[in-house]
Amino acid sequence: MKIIINHSSMIPIYEQIVEQVKALIRNGKLKENDNLPSVRSLAKELKISALTVKKHMIAWKTRGLR
């Protein structure tokens, strides 16, 4: 999964992740039964805190986007 984080953006990192995952779904690059990477692996790949990735997962679930 290719996600690019803009650290100088005013948009929180977890929101950037949510929006990019939604774009991957809209573009058909992420399908219904595809697995998302684990919190740790995504945090490591993006070089961000696992807590930030966890915020993304919580935001995703609260919006009903499982």
N, C-alpha and C. Protein backbone atom coordinates (compact mmCIF):
# COMPACT_ATOMS: atom_id res chain seq x y z
N MET A 1 0.86 -1.16 0.00
CA MET A 1 0.00 0.00 0.00
C MET A 1 0.90 1.23 0.00
N LYS A 2 0.65 2.12 -0.92
CA LYS A 2 1.47 3.32 -1.06
C LYS A 2 0.75 4.51 -0.44
N ILE A 3 1.25 4.95 0.71
CA ILE A 3 0.70 6.12 1.39
C ILE A 3 1.85 7.10 1.60
N ILE A 4 1.61 8.34 1.26
CA ILE A 4 2.64 9.37 1.42
C ILE A 4 2.15 10.39 2.44
N ILE A 5 2.97 10.64 3.44
CA ILE A 5 2.63 11.57 4.51
C ILE A 5 3.36 12.89 4.28
N ASN A 6 2.60 13.98 4.37
CA ASN A 6 3.18 15.32 4.27
C ASN A 6 3.27 15.89 5.68
N HIS A 7 4.48 15.85 6.24
CA HIS A 7 4.67 16.29 7.63
C HIS A 7 4.49 17.80 7.81
N SER A 8 4.54 18.56 6.73
CA SER A 8 4.38 20.01 6.86
C SER A 8 2.94 20.46 6.60
N SER A 9 2.06 19.51 6.34
CA SER A 9 0.65 19.82 6.07
C SER A 9 -0.07 20.19 7.37
N MET A 10 -1.09 21.01 7.24
CA MET A 10 -1.93 21.37 8.38
C MET A 10 -2.93 20.25 8.70
N ILE A 11 -3.07 19.29 7.79
CA ILE A 11 -3.97 18.16 7.99
C ILE A 11 -3.27 17.14 8.88
N PRO A 12 -3.92 16.70 9.97
CA PRO A 12 -3.29 15.71 10.85
C PRO A 12 -2.90 14.45 10.06
N ILE A 13 -1.81 13.82 10.49
CA ILE A 13 -1.30 12.65 9.79
C ILE A 13 -2.36 11.55 9.70
N TYR A 14 -3.09 11.30 10.80
CA TYR A 14 -4.08 10.23 10.75
C TYR A 14 -5.17 10.53 9.72
N GLU A 15 -5.51 11.81 9.54
CA GLU A 15 -6.51 12.19 8.53
C GLU A 15 -5.94 11.98 7.12
N GLN A 16 -4.65 12.27 6.95
CA GLN A 16 -4.01 12.02 5.65
C GLN A 16 -4.09 10.54 5.30
N ILE A 17 -3.87 9.68 6.30
CA ILE A 17 -3.94 8.24 6.07
C ILE A 17 -5.36 7.84 5.67
N VAL A 18 -6.36 8.32 6.42
CA VAL A 18 -7.76 8.00 6.12
C VAL A 18 -8.11 8.40 4.69
N GLU A 19 -7.76 9.61 4.31
CA GLU A 19 -8.10 10.10 2.97
C GLU A 19 -7.40 9.30 1.88
N GLN A 20 -6.16 8.91 2.12
CA GLN A 20 -5.44 8.15 1.11
C GLN A 20 -5.95 6.72 0.98
N VAL A 21 -6.37 6.13 2.10
CA VAL A 21 -6.96 4.79 2.03
C VAL A 21 -8.30 4.86 1.29
N LYS A 22 -9.09 5.90 1.57
CA LYS A 22 -10.36 6.07 0.84
C LYS A 22 -10.10 6.21 -0.65
N ALA A 23 -9.05 6.94 -1.03
CA ALA A 23 -8.71 7.11 -2.44
C ALA A 23 -8.31 5.77 -3.06
N LEU A 24 -7.58 4.95 -2.32
CA LEU A 24 -7.19 3.63 -2.82
C LEU A 24 -8.42 2.77 -3.08
N ILE A 25 -9.42 2.89 -2.22
CA ILE A 25 -10.67 2.14 -2.40
C ILE A 25 -11.41 2.65 -3.63
N ARG A 26 -11.55 3.98 -3.73
CA ARG A 26 -12.25 4.56 -4.89
C ARG A 26 -11.59 4.19 -6.21
N ASN A 27 -10.27 4.13 -6.22
CA ASN A 27 -9.52 3.82 -7.45
C ASN A 27 -9.44 2.33 -7.74
N GLY A 28 -10.00 1.52 -6.84
CA GLY A 28 -10.00 0.08 -7.04
C GLY A 28 -8.68 -0.60 -6.70
N LYS A 29 -7.76 0.13 -6.10
CA LYS A 29 -6.47 -0.46 -5.73
C LYS A 29 -6.55 -1.20 -4.41
N LEU A 30 -7.60 -0.94 -3.64
CA LEU A 30 -7.85 -1.65 -2.39
C LEU A 30 -9.28 -2.16 -2.47
N LYS A 31 -9.41 -3.47 -2.40
CA LYS A 31 -10.72 -4.09 -2.58
C LYS A 31 -11.32 -4.52 -1.24
N GLU A 32 -12.56 -4.94 -1.28
CA GLU A 32 -13.32 -5.24 -0.06
C GLU A 32 -12.63 -6.24 0.87
N ASN A 33 -12.09 -7.31 0.38
CA ASN A 33 -11.49 -8.33 1.24
C ASN A 33 -9.98 -8.19 1.39
N ASP A 34 -9.40 -7.13 0.88
CA ASP A 34 -7.97 -6.90 1.05
C ASP A 34 -7.68 -6.58 2.51
N ASN A 35 -6.55 -7.06 2.97
CA ASN A 35 -6.15 -6.76 4.35
C ASN A 35 -5.35 -5.47 4.39
N LEU A 36 -5.61 -4.69 5.43
CA LEU A 36 -4.79 -3.51 5.69
C LEU A 36 -3.56 -3.97 6.46
N PRO A 37 -2.46 -3.26 6.31
CA PRO A 37 -1.28 -3.63 7.10
C PRO A 37 -1.55 -3.44 8.59
N SER A 38 -0.77 -4.13 9.40
CA SER A 38 -0.93 -4.00 10.85
C SER A 38 -0.50 -2.59 11.27
N VAL A 39 -0.92 -2.21 12.47
CA VAL A 39 -0.56 -0.89 13.01
C VAL A 39 0.96 -0.73 13.02
N ARG A 40 1.65 -1.73 13.54
CA ARG A 40 3.11 -1.65 13.63
C ARG A 40 3.79 -1.56 12.29
N SER A 41 3.36 -2.40 11.35
CA SER A 41 4.03 -2.39 10.04
C SER A 41 3.78 -1.09 9.29
N LEU A 42 2.56 -0.56 9.38
CA LEU A 42 2.28 0.71 8.71
C LEU A 42 3.05 1.85 9.37
N ALA A 43 3.12 1.83 10.69
CA ALA A 43 3.89 2.86 11.41
C ALA A 43 5.36 2.81 11.00
N LYS A 44 5.89 1.61 10.90
CA LYS A 44 7.30 1.45 10.51
C LYS A 44 7.53 1.92 9.07
N GLU A 45 6.61 1.54 8.17
CA GLU A 45 6.73 1.93 6.76
C GLU A 45 6.67 3.44 6.59
N LEU A 46 5.77 4.10 7.35
CA LEU A 46 5.59 5.55 7.21
C LEU A 46 6.52 6.35 8.13
N LYS A 47 7.24 5.63 8.99
CA LYS A 47 8.16 6.25 9.94
C LYS A 47 7.42 7.24 10.85
N ILE A 48 6.28 6.75 11.39
CA ILE A 48 5.48 7.54 12.32
C ILE A 48 5.16 6.68 13.53
N SER A 49 4.59 7.30 14.53
CA SER A 49 4.22 6.61 15.76
C SER A 49 3.09 5.61 15.52
N ALA A 50 3.18 4.47 16.19
CA ALA A 50 2.10 3.48 16.11
C ALA A 50 0.80 4.06 16.65
N LEU A 51 0.91 4.98 17.61
CA LEU A 51 -0.27 5.63 18.17
C LEU A 51 -1.01 6.44 17.10
N THR A 52 -0.26 7.08 16.22
CA THR A 52 -0.86 7.85 15.13
C THR A 52 -1.62 6.92 14.19
N VAL A 53 -1.03 5.78 13.88
CA VAL A 53 -1.70 4.81 13.01
C VAL A 53 -2.94 4.28 13.69
N LYS A 54 -2.84 4.06 14.99
CA LYS A 54 -4.01 3.58 15.74
C LYS A 54 -5.14 4.61 15.70
N LYS A 55 -4.79 5.90 15.75
CA LYS A 55 -5.81 6.96 15.62
C LYS A 55 -6.52 6.84 14.27
N HIS A 56 -5.75 6.52 13.23
CA HIS A 56 -6.33 6.33 11.90
C HIS A 56 -7.33 5.19 11.93
N MET A 57 -6.95 4.07 12.56
CA MET A 57 -7.84 2.91 12.63
C MET A 57 -9.12 3.26 13.40
N ILE A 58 -8.98 4.00 14.49
CA ILE A 58 -10.15 4.40 15.29
C ILE A 58 -11.04 5.33 14.47
N ALA A 59 -10.43 6.30 13.78
CA ALA A 59 -11.21 7.22 12.94
C ALA A 59 -11.93 6.46 11.85
N TRP A 60 -11.26 5.48 11.28
CA TRP A 60 -11.82 4.67 10.20
C TRP A 60 -13.06 3.92 10.70
N LYS A 61 -12.93 3.28 11.87
CA LYS A 61 -14.05 2.50 12.41
C LYS A 61 -15.20 3.39 12.87
N THR A 62 -14.90 4.56 13.43
CA THR A 62 -15.96 5.46 13.91
C THR A 62 -16.79 5.97 12.74
N ARG A 63 -16.18 6.11 11.60
CA ARG A 63 -16.91 6.59 10.42
C ARG A 63 -17.64 5.46 9.70
N GLY A 64 -17.51 4.25 10.23
CA GLY A 64 -18.20 3.12 9.62
C GLY A 64 -17.51 2.59 8.39
N LEU A 65 -16.24 2.88 8.23
CA LEU A 65 -15.48 2.43 7.06
C LEU A 65 -14.58 1.29 7.47
N ARG A 66 -15.11 0.12 7.56
CA ARG A 66 -14.31 -1.01 8.06
C ARG A 66 -13.58 -1.72 7.01
